[in-house]
Amino acid sequence: MSVNLAAPLRESYGKRSMVVRKGDEVMVMRGGNSGTKGAVEKVDMKREKVYIEGVKMTKVDGSAVPKPVHPSNLMITKLKLEDKKRQQVIERAGKNTKKEKKEKKGGE
């Protein structure tokens, strides 16, 4: 499940979106909780939902439960870079930036 990256991350990593993982910091862009920032607590691949720290909804009995958010309504503001696979993705993206591709086409 891909989530858009914030503008500074796009420039530094050369990618528009990345797979969201537990521990990433995200900001809700749409819906009733728009503007809320928090760390990802859980990613539900089966239902395509992300659960974020601080985004809760109240049940009829008064208890607060995590509110599921669709990944299209999120933006990653800080990546958790401890995962080896994620580092490999970033390295691959750095080699194949669009600017470099345009320069190669123009130089040929």
N, C-alpha and C. Protein backbone atom coordinates (compact mmCIF):
# COMPACT_ATOMS: atom_id res chain seq x y z
N MET A 1 0.85 -1.18 0.00
CA MET A 1 0.00 0.00 0.00
C MET A 1 0.89 1.23 0.00
N SER A 2 0.84 1.96 -1.08
CA SER A 2 1.68 3.14 -1.23
C SER A 2 1.01 4.38 -0.68
N VAL A 3 1.83 5.25 -0.14
CA VAL A 3 1.39 6.54 0.39
C VAL A 3 2.30 7.61 -0.19
N ASN A 4 1.73 8.76 -0.55
CA ASN A 4 2.52 9.85 -1.09
C ASN A 4 3.55 10.34 -0.08
N LEU A 5 4.69 10.80 -0.60
CA LEU A 5 5.72 11.37 0.24
C LEU A 5 5.57 12.89 0.29
N ALA A 6 5.99 13.51 1.37
CA ALA A 6 6.01 14.96 1.48
C ALA A 6 7.06 15.50 0.51
N ALA A 7 6.92 16.76 0.11
CA ALA A 7 7.78 17.37 -0.90
C ALA A 7 9.27 17.25 -0.59
N PRO A 8 9.74 17.52 0.65
CA PRO A 8 11.18 17.38 0.91
C PRO A 8 11.68 15.94 0.74
N LEU A 9 10.83 14.97 1.11
CA LEU A 9 11.22 13.56 0.96
C LEU A 9 11.27 13.16 -0.51
N ARG A 10 10.34 13.70 -1.31
CA ARG A 10 10.35 13.40 -2.75
C ARG A 10 11.66 13.84 -3.39
N GLU A 11 12.09 15.03 -3.04
CA GLU A 11 13.33 15.56 -3.62
C GLU A 11 14.55 14.76 -3.16
N SER A 12 14.60 14.42 -1.87
CA SER A 12 15.78 13.74 -1.36
C SER A 12 15.88 12.28 -1.81
N TYR A 13 14.74 11.60 -1.96
CA TYR A 13 14.78 10.18 -2.31
C TYR A 13 14.47 9.90 -3.77
N GLY A 14 13.99 10.88 -4.52
CA GLY A 14 13.71 10.67 -5.94
C GLY A 14 12.51 9.78 -6.20
N LYS A 15 11.59 9.70 -5.26
CA LYS A 15 10.38 8.89 -5.43
C LYS A 15 9.17 9.71 -5.02
N ARG A 16 8.03 9.43 -5.64
CA ARG A 16 6.80 10.14 -5.34
C ARG A 16 6.04 9.50 -4.18
N SER A 17 6.12 8.17 -4.07
CA SER A 17 5.40 7.46 -3.02
C SER A 17 6.22 6.25 -2.57
N MET A 18 5.89 5.77 -1.39
CA MET A 18 6.55 4.57 -0.85
C MET A 18 5.52 3.74 -0.09
N VAL A 19 5.87 2.49 0.14
CA VAL A 19 5.02 1.59 0.90
C VAL A 19 5.05 2.04 2.36
N VAL A 20 3.88 2.14 2.96
CA VAL A 20 3.78 2.58 4.35
C VAL A 20 4.08 1.42 5.28
N ARG A 21 4.81 1.72 6.36
CA ARG A 21 5.19 0.69 7.32
C ARG A 21 4.94 1.17 8.75
N LYS A 22 4.86 0.25 9.65
CA LYS A 22 4.68 0.59 11.06
C LYS A 22 5.88 1.43 11.50
N GLY A 23 5.61 2.54 12.16
CA GLY A 23 6.68 3.41 12.64
C GLY A 23 6.87 4.66 11.81
N ASP A 24 6.39 4.68 10.56
CA ASP A 24 6.47 5.89 9.74
C ASP A 24 5.61 6.98 10.36
N GLU A 25 6.02 8.23 10.19
CA GLU A 25 5.19 9.34 10.64
C GLU A 25 4.41 9.85 9.44
N VAL A 26 3.09 9.97 9.61
CA VAL A 26 2.22 10.39 8.52
C VAL A 26 1.33 11.54 8.95
N MET A 27 0.76 12.21 7.96
CA MET A 27 -0.21 13.27 8.22
C MET A 27 -1.47 12.95 7.44
N VAL A 28 -2.62 13.07 8.09
CA VAL A 28 -3.91 12.83 7.43
C VAL A 28 -4.24 14.06 6.59
N MET A 29 -4.54 13.85 5.31
CA MET A 29 -4.78 14.96 4.38
C MET A 29 -6.27 15.19 4.11
N ARG A 30 -7.09 14.17 4.28
CA ARG A 30 -8.52 14.26 3.97
C ARG A 30 -9.35 13.71 5.12
N GLY A 31 -10.61 14.14 5.17
CA GLY A 31 -11.54 13.58 6.15
C GLY A 31 -11.62 14.42 7.40
N GLY A 32 -12.34 13.90 8.37
CA GLY A 32 -12.57 14.61 9.61
C GLY A 32 -11.32 14.81 10.45
N ASN A 33 -10.32 14.00 10.25
CA ASN A 33 -9.07 14.11 11.02
C ASN A 33 -7.95 14.77 10.22
N SER A 34 -8.29 15.53 9.18
CA SER A 34 -7.26 16.13 8.34
C SER A 34 -6.38 17.07 9.16
N GLY A 35 -5.09 17.03 8.87
CA GLY A 35 -4.12 17.84 9.60
C GLY A 35 -3.51 17.12 10.78
N THR A 36 -4.04 15.97 11.15
CA THR A 36 -3.51 15.22 12.29
C THR A 36 -2.23 14.50 11.89
N LYS A 37 -1.20 14.64 12.73
CA LYS A 37 0.07 13.94 12.50
C LYS A 37 0.23 12.87 13.56
N GLY A 38 0.87 11.75 13.16
CA GLY A 38 1.11 10.68 14.12
C GLY A 38 1.88 9.55 13.49
N ALA A 39 2.34 8.64 14.33
CA ALA A 39 3.08 7.47 13.86
C ALA A 39 2.10 6.36 13.50
N VAL A 40 2.48 5.55 12.53
CA VAL A 40 1.64 4.43 12.11
C VAL A 40 1.74 3.33 13.17
N GLU A 41 0.59 2.93 13.70
CA GLU A 41 0.53 1.87 14.70
C GLU A 41 0.39 0.50 14.06
N LYS A 42 -0.42 0.42 12.98
CA LYS A 42 -0.73 -0.86 12.37
C LYS A 42 -1.10 -0.63 10.92
N VAL A 43 -0.73 -1.58 10.06
CA VAL A 43 -1.12 -1.56 8.65
C VAL A 43 -1.89 -2.84 8.38
N ASP A 44 -3.16 -2.70 7.99
CA ASP A 44 -4.02 -3.84 7.71
C ASP A 44 -4.06 -4.05 6.19
N MET A 45 -3.28 -5.00 5.70
CA MET A 45 -3.17 -5.23 4.26
C MET A 45 -4.47 -5.82 3.69
N LYS A 46 -5.16 -6.63 4.47
CA LYS A 46 -6.37 -7.27 3.98
C LYS A 46 -7.47 -6.25 3.69
N ARG A 47 -7.66 -5.30 4.60
CA ARG A 47 -8.72 -4.30 4.44
C ARG A 47 -8.23 -3.00 3.82
N GLU A 48 -6.93 -2.92 3.53
CA GLU A 48 -6.29 -1.71 2.98
C GLU A 48 -6.54 -0.49 3.85
N LYS A 49 -6.23 -0.61 5.13
CA LYS A 49 -6.41 0.48 6.08
C LYS A 49 -5.13 0.66 6.90
N VAL A 50 -4.93 1.89 7.37
CA VAL A 50 -3.79 2.23 8.21
C VAL A 50 -4.34 2.80 9.52
N TYR A 51 -3.75 2.38 10.63
CA TYR A 51 -4.15 2.88 11.94
C TYR A 51 -3.05 3.79 12.46
N ILE A 52 -3.42 5.01 12.86
CA ILE A 52 -2.46 6.04 13.22
C ILE A 52 -2.63 6.42 14.69
N GLU A 53 -1.50 6.63 15.34
CA GLU A 53 -1.48 7.07 16.74
C GLU A 53 -2.19 8.41 16.86
N GLY A 54 -3.17 8.50 17.71
CA GLY A 54 -3.88 9.75 17.93
C GLY A 54 -5.15 9.92 17.11
N VAL A 55 -5.39 9.04 16.16
CA VAL A 55 -6.63 9.10 15.37
C VAL A 55 -7.57 8.04 15.93
N LYS A 56 -8.52 8.49 16.71
CA LYS A 56 -9.45 7.58 17.39
C LYS A 56 -10.88 7.96 17.05
N MET A 57 -11.80 7.02 17.27
CA MET A 57 -13.22 7.31 17.17
C MET A 57 -13.89 6.73 18.41
N THR A 58 -15.00 7.34 18.80
CA THR A 58 -15.69 6.93 20.01
C THR A 58 -16.84 6.01 19.66
N LYS A 59 -16.90 4.88 20.33
CA LYS A 59 -17.99 3.94 20.14
C LYS A 59 -19.21 4.40 20.95
N VAL A 60 -20.34 3.77 20.71
CA VAL A 60 -21.58 4.12 21.39
C VAL A 60 -21.45 3.97 22.91
N ASP A 61 -20.69 2.96 23.35
CA ASP A 61 -20.53 2.76 24.79
C ASP A 61 -19.54 3.73 25.43
N GLY A 62 -18.92 4.60 24.63
CA GLY A 62 -18.02 5.62 25.15
C GLY A 62 -16.55 5.27 25.06
N SER A 63 -16.21 4.06 24.67
CA SER A 63 -14.81 3.68 24.58
C SER A 63 -14.20 4.20 23.27
N ALA A 64 -12.92 4.55 23.31
CA ALA A 64 -12.20 5.05 22.13
C ALA A 64 -11.45 3.90 21.47
N VAL A 65 -11.58 3.79 20.17
CA VAL A 65 -10.89 2.76 19.40
C VAL A 65 -10.16 3.43 18.24
N PRO A 66 -9.08 2.81 17.74
CA PRO A 66 -8.35 3.39 16.59
C PRO A 66 -9.26 3.46 15.36
N LYS A 67 -9.17 4.57 14.64
CA LYS A 67 -9.99 4.76 13.45
C LYS A 67 -9.17 4.38 12.21
N PRO A 68 -9.69 3.49 11.37
CA PRO A 68 -8.96 3.12 10.17
C PRO A 68 -8.99 4.24 9.13
N VAL A 69 -7.85 4.45 8.46
CA VAL A 69 -7.73 5.49 7.45
C VAL A 69 -7.22 4.85 6.16
N HIS A 70 -7.79 5.22 5.03
CA HIS A 70 -7.32 4.70 3.74
C HIS A 70 -6.00 5.38 3.38
N PRO A 71 -5.04 4.63 2.82
CA PRO A 71 -3.72 5.20 2.54
C PRO A 71 -3.73 6.34 1.52
N SER A 72 -4.75 6.44 0.69
CA SER A 72 -4.79 7.54 -0.29
C SER A 72 -5.03 8.88 0.39
N ASN A 73 -5.47 8.86 1.65
CA ASN A 73 -5.74 10.09 2.39
C ASN A 73 -4.59 10.49 3.29
N LEU A 74 -3.41 9.88 3.10
CA LEU A 74 -2.27 10.13 3.96
C LEU A 74 -1.08 10.68 3.18
N MET A 75 -0.13 11.25 3.91
CA MET A 75 1.14 11.70 3.35
C MET A 75 2.24 11.37 4.36
N ILE A 76 3.29 10.70 3.91
CA ILE A 76 4.39 10.35 4.80
C ILE A 76 5.25 11.59 5.01
N THR A 77 5.49 11.94 6.28
CA THR A 77 6.32 13.09 6.60
C THR A 77 7.71 12.68 7.09
N LYS A 78 7.83 11.46 7.62
CA LYS A 78 9.12 10.97 8.09
C LYS A 78 9.16 9.46 7.92
N LEU A 79 10.20 8.96 7.29
CA LEU A 79 10.34 7.53 7.04
C LEU A 79 11.13 6.86 8.15
N LYS A 80 10.76 5.64 8.44
CA LYS A 80 11.54 4.81 9.35
C LYS A 80 12.51 4.02 8.47
N LEU A 81 13.78 4.31 8.57
CA LEU A 81 14.77 3.78 7.63
C LEU A 81 15.55 2.58 8.17
N GLU A 82 15.06 1.92 9.20
CA GLU A 82 15.78 0.80 9.79
C GLU A 82 15.62 -0.49 8.99
N ASP A 83 14.68 -0.54 8.05
CA ASP A 83 14.41 -1.75 7.28
C ASP A 83 15.39 -1.85 6.10
N LYS A 84 16.03 -3.01 5.94
CA LYS A 84 17.01 -3.20 4.87
C LYS A 84 16.36 -3.14 3.49
N LYS A 85 15.16 -3.71 3.35
CA LYS A 85 14.49 -3.70 2.05
C LYS A 85 14.14 -2.27 1.63
N ARG A 86 13.71 -1.45 2.60
CA ARG A 86 13.38 -0.06 2.28
C ARG A 86 14.64 0.69 1.84
N GLN A 87 15.77 0.43 2.46
CA GLN A 87 17.01 1.08 2.07
C GLN A 87 17.40 0.68 0.65
N GLN A 88 17.16 -0.56 0.27
CA GLN A 88 17.45 -1.01 -1.09
C GLN A 88 16.56 -0.29 -2.10
N VAL A 89 15.29 -0.07 -1.75
CA VAL A 89 14.37 0.64 -2.63
C VAL A 89 14.84 2.07 -2.83
N ILE A 90 15.28 2.71 -1.78
CA ILE A 90 15.76 4.09 -1.86
C ILE A 90 17.02 4.17 -2.71
N GLU A 91 17.92 3.21 -2.55
CA GLU A 91 19.14 3.19 -3.36
C GLU A 91 18.82 3.02 -4.84
N ARG A 92 17.87 2.13 -5.15
CA ARG A 92 17.48 1.94 -6.55
C ARG A 92 16.87 3.21 -7.12
N ALA A 93 16.04 3.88 -6.32
CA ALA A 93 15.38 5.10 -6.79
C ALA A 93 16.39 6.20 -7.02
N GLY A 94 17.43 6.27 -6.19
CA GLY A 94 18.46 7.30 -6.35
C GLY A 94 19.23 7.15 -7.64
N LYS A 95 19.39 5.92 -8.11
CA LYS A 95 20.12 5.68 -9.36
C LYS A 95 19.30 6.06 -10.59
N ASN A 96 17.98 5.98 -10.48
CA ASN A 96 17.11 6.17 -11.64
C ASN A 96 16.22 7.40 -11.51
N THR A 97 16.79 8.54 -11.22
CA THR A 97 15.97 9.74 -11.09
C THR A 97 15.58 10.25 -12.47
N LYS A 98 14.47 10.97 -12.54
CA LYS A 98 13.96 11.48 -13.81
C LYS A 98 14.92 12.48 -14.44
N LYS A 99 15.59 13.28 -13.62
CA LYS A 99 16.53 14.27 -14.15
C LYS A 99 17.66 13.58 -14.90
N GLU A 100 18.16 12.49 -14.32
CA GLU A 100 19.24 11.76 -14.96
C GLU A 100 18.77 11.15 -16.28
N LYS A 101 17.54 10.65 -16.32
CA LYS A 101 17.01 10.06 -17.54
C LYS A 101 16.90 11.11 -18.63
N LYS A 102 16.43 12.31 -18.26
CA LYS A 102 16.30 13.39 -19.25
C LYS A 102 17.67 13.81 -19.77
N GLU A 103 18.66 13.88 -18.89
CA GLU A 103 20.00 14.27 -19.29
C GLU A 103 20.60 13.24 -20.25
N LYS A 104 20.33 11.96 -19.99
CA LYS A 104 20.84 10.91 -20.87
C LYS A 104 20.21 11.01 -22.25
N LYS A 105 18.89 11.27 -22.30
CA LYS A 105 18.21 11.41 -23.59
C LYS A 105 18.73 12.63 -24.35
N GLY A 106 18.92 13.72 -23.65
CA GLY A 106 19.38 14.95 -24.28
C GLY A 106 20.82 14.85 -24.74
N GLY A 107 21.65 14.09 -24.05
CA GLY A 107 23.06 13.96 -24.38
C GLY A 107 23.33 13.02 -25.53
N GLU A 108 22.40 12.16 -25.85
CA GLU A 108 22.62 11.15 -26.91
C GLU A 108 22.46 11.70 -28.28
